[in-house]
C-alpha atoms as a PDB file:
ATOM      1  CA  MET A   1     -18.251  20.275 -69.464  1.00  0.00           C
ATOM      2  CA  GLN A   2     -20.628  18.132 -71.448  1.00  0.00           C
ATOM      3  CA  GLY A   3     -21.956  14.724 -70.460  1.00  0.00           C
ATOM      4  CA  PRO A   4     -24.180  12.166 -72.108  1.00  0.00           C
ATOM      5  CA  GLY A   5     -27.913  12.786 -72.045  1.00  0.00           C
ATOM      6  CA  ARG A   6     -28.780   9.119 -72.209  1.00  0.00           C
ATOM      7  CA  GLY A   7     -27.291   5.664 -72.377  1.00  0.00           C
ATOM      8  CA  PRO A   8     -26.258   2.918 -69.975  1.00  0.00           C
ATOM      9  CA  ASP A   9     -23.145   4.730 -68.714  1.00  0.00           C
ATOM     10  CA  ARG A  10     -24.836   8.133 -68.326  1.00  0.00           C
ATOM     11  CA  ALA A  11     -25.035   8.138 -64.521  1.00  0.00           C
ATOM     12  CA  ALA A  12     -21.456   6.923 -64.094  1.00  0.00           C
ATOM     13  CA  VAL A  13     -20.092   9.566 -66.480  1.00  0.00           C
ATOM     14  CA  ILE A  14     -22.115  12.353 -64.836  1.00  0.00           C
ATOM     15  CA  ARG A  15     -21.088  11.264 -61.325  1.00  0.00           C
ATOM     16  CA  GLY A  16     -17.469  11.106 -62.490  1.00  0.00           C
ATOM     17  CA  ALA A  17     -17.672  14.661 -63.842  1.00  0.00           C
ATOM     18  CA  ALA A  18     -19.250  15.915 -60.611  1.00  0.00           C
ATOM     19  CA  ASP A  19     -16.578  14.102 -58.601  1.00  0.00           C
ATOM     20  CA  ARG A  20     -13.802  15.740 -60.629  1.00  0.00           C
ATOM     21  CA  ILE A  21     -15.373  19.153 -59.975  1.00  0.00           C
ATOM     22  CA  VAL A  22     -15.653  18.677 -56.210  1.00  0.00           C
ATOM     23  CA  GLN A  23     -12.052  17.393 -56.056  1.00  0.00           C
ATOM     24  CA  LEU A  24     -10.677  20.600 -57.607  1.00  0.00           C
ATOM     25  CA  ALA A  25      -8.559  22.706 -55.261  1.00  0.00           C
ATOM     26  CA  ASP A  26     -10.729  25.750 -55.887  1.00  0.00           C
ATOM     27  CA  PHE A  27     -14.056  23.999 -55.262  1.00  0.00           C
ATOM     28  CA  ARG A  28     -15.598  26.185 -52.562  1.00  0.00           C
ATOM     29  CA  GLY A  29     -17.149  23.341 -50.596  1.00  0.00           C
ATOM     30  CA  ALA A  30     -20.658  21.982 -50.300  1.00  0.00           C
ATOM     31  CA  LEU A  31     -21.811  24.750 -47.976  1.00  0.00           C
ATOM     32  CA  ALA A  32     -20.825  27.626 -50.305  1.00  0.00           C
ATOM     33  CA  SER A  33     -24.147  27.507 -52.160  1.00  0.00           C
ATOM     34  CA  ALA A  34     -26.989  25.220 -53.150  1.00  0.00           C
ATOM     35  CA  GLY A  35     -25.131  24.596 -56.433  1.00  0.00           C
ATOM     36  CA  GLU A  36     -22.068  23.217 -54.648  1.00  0.00           C
ATOM     37  CA  THR A  37     -24.265  21.152 -52.336  1.00  0.00           C
ATOM     38  CA  TRP A  38     -26.007  19.645 -55.359  1.00  0.00           C
ATOM     39  CA  LEU A  39     -22.663  18.835 -57.028  1.00  0.00           C
ATOM     40  CA  ARG A  40     -21.370  17.189 -53.845  1.00  0.00           C
ATOM     41  CA  ASP A  41     -24.507  15.061 -53.616  1.00  0.00           C
ATOM     42  CA  CYS A  42     -24.355  14.151 -57.297  1.00  0.00           C
ATOM     43  CA  ALA A  43     -20.707  13.112 -56.952  1.00  0.00           C
ATOM     44  CA  GLY A  44     -21.596  10.806 -54.068  1.00  0.00           C
ATOM     45  CA  PRO A  45     -22.206   7.091 -54.249  1.00  0.00           C
ATOM     46  CA  THR A  46     -24.842   5.756 -56.612  1.00  0.00           C
ATOM     47  CA  THR A  47     -27.056   4.911 -53.648  1.00  0.00           C
ATOM     48  CA  ASN A  48     -27.838   8.553 -52.888  1.00  0.00           C
ATOM     49  CA  SER A  49     -31.371   9.673 -53.598  1.00  0.00           C
ATOM     50  CA  GLY A  50     -30.434  12.843 -55.463  1.00  0.00           C
ATOM     51  CA  GLY A  51     -29.726  11.172 -58.780  1.00  0.00           C
ATOM     52  CA  THR A  52     -27.567  12.740 -61.457  1.00  0.00           C
ATOM     53  CA  GLY A  53     -30.171  15.192 -62.677  1.00  0.00           C
ATOM     54  CA  SER A  54     -30.933  16.530 -66.092  1.00  0.00           C
ATOM     55  CA  HIS A  55     -29.373  19.296 -68.144  1.00  0.00           C
ATOM     56  CA  LYS A  56     -31.750  21.721 -66.425  1.00  0.00           C
ATOM     57  CA  GLN A  57     -30.355  20.806 -63.001  1.00  0.00           C
ATOM     58  CA  TRP A  58     -26.764  21.140 -64.233  1.00  0.00           C
ATOM     59  CA  VAL A  59     -27.475  24.593 -65.678  1.00  0.00           C
ATOM     60  CA  TRP A  60     -29.232  25.575 -62.443  1.00  0.00           C
ATOM     61  CA  ALA A  61     -26.305  24.378 -60.297  1.00  0.00           C
ATOM     62  CA  GLY A  62     -23.790  26.205 -62.489  1.00  0.00           C
ATOM     63  CA  ASN A  63     -25.784  29.422 -62.408  1.00  0.00           C
ATOM     64  CA  VAL A  64     -26.218  29.265 -58.636  1.00  0.00           C
ATOM     65  CA  GLN A  65     -22.472  28.698 -58.215  1.00  0.00           C
ATOM     66  CA  HIS A  66     -21.572  31.592 -60.488  1.00  0.00           C
ATOM     67  CA  ILE A  67     -24.032  34.100 -59.048  1.00  0.00           C
ATOM     68  CA  THR A  68     -23.103  33.209 -55.459  1.00  0.00           C
ATOM     69  CA  HIS A  69     -19.415  33.659 -56.238  1.00  0.00           C
ATOM     70  CA  ALA A  70     -20.000  36.966 -58.080  1.00  0.00           C
ATOM     71  CA  VAL A  71     -22.093  38.408 -55.253  1.00  0.00           C
ATOM     72  CA  ARG A  72     -19.532  37.412 -52.621  1.00  0.00           C
ATOM     73  CA  GLN A  73     -16.705  38.925 -54.665  1.00  0.00           C
ATOM     74  CA  ALA A  74     -18.632  42.204 -55.026  1.00  0.00           C
ATOM     75  CA  GLN A  75     -19.127  42.583 -51.267  1.00  0.00           C
ATOM     76  CA  PRO A  76     -16.542  44.619 -49.363  1.00  0.00           C
ATOM     77  CA  PRO A  77     -14.322  42.585 -47.025  1.00  0.00           C
ATOM     78  CA  ALA A  78     -15.576  42.254 -43.476  1.00  0.00           C
END
């Protein structure tokens, strides 16, 4: 998913994208990893202090989500 890097509607578009992600049925929830927590906070109201981040934060969040999921899938069931 790609969003605008600048412009007057940047924050609204980014928050909208984050909101669509957290509304997906297979979103693992904000407590699954720091990446999901960041997405939940980004999708929140514009008054939150987290902001919408930069491309570096989006890459970080995506990587954290992926690695967390991969590690949990590789672990034997409890």
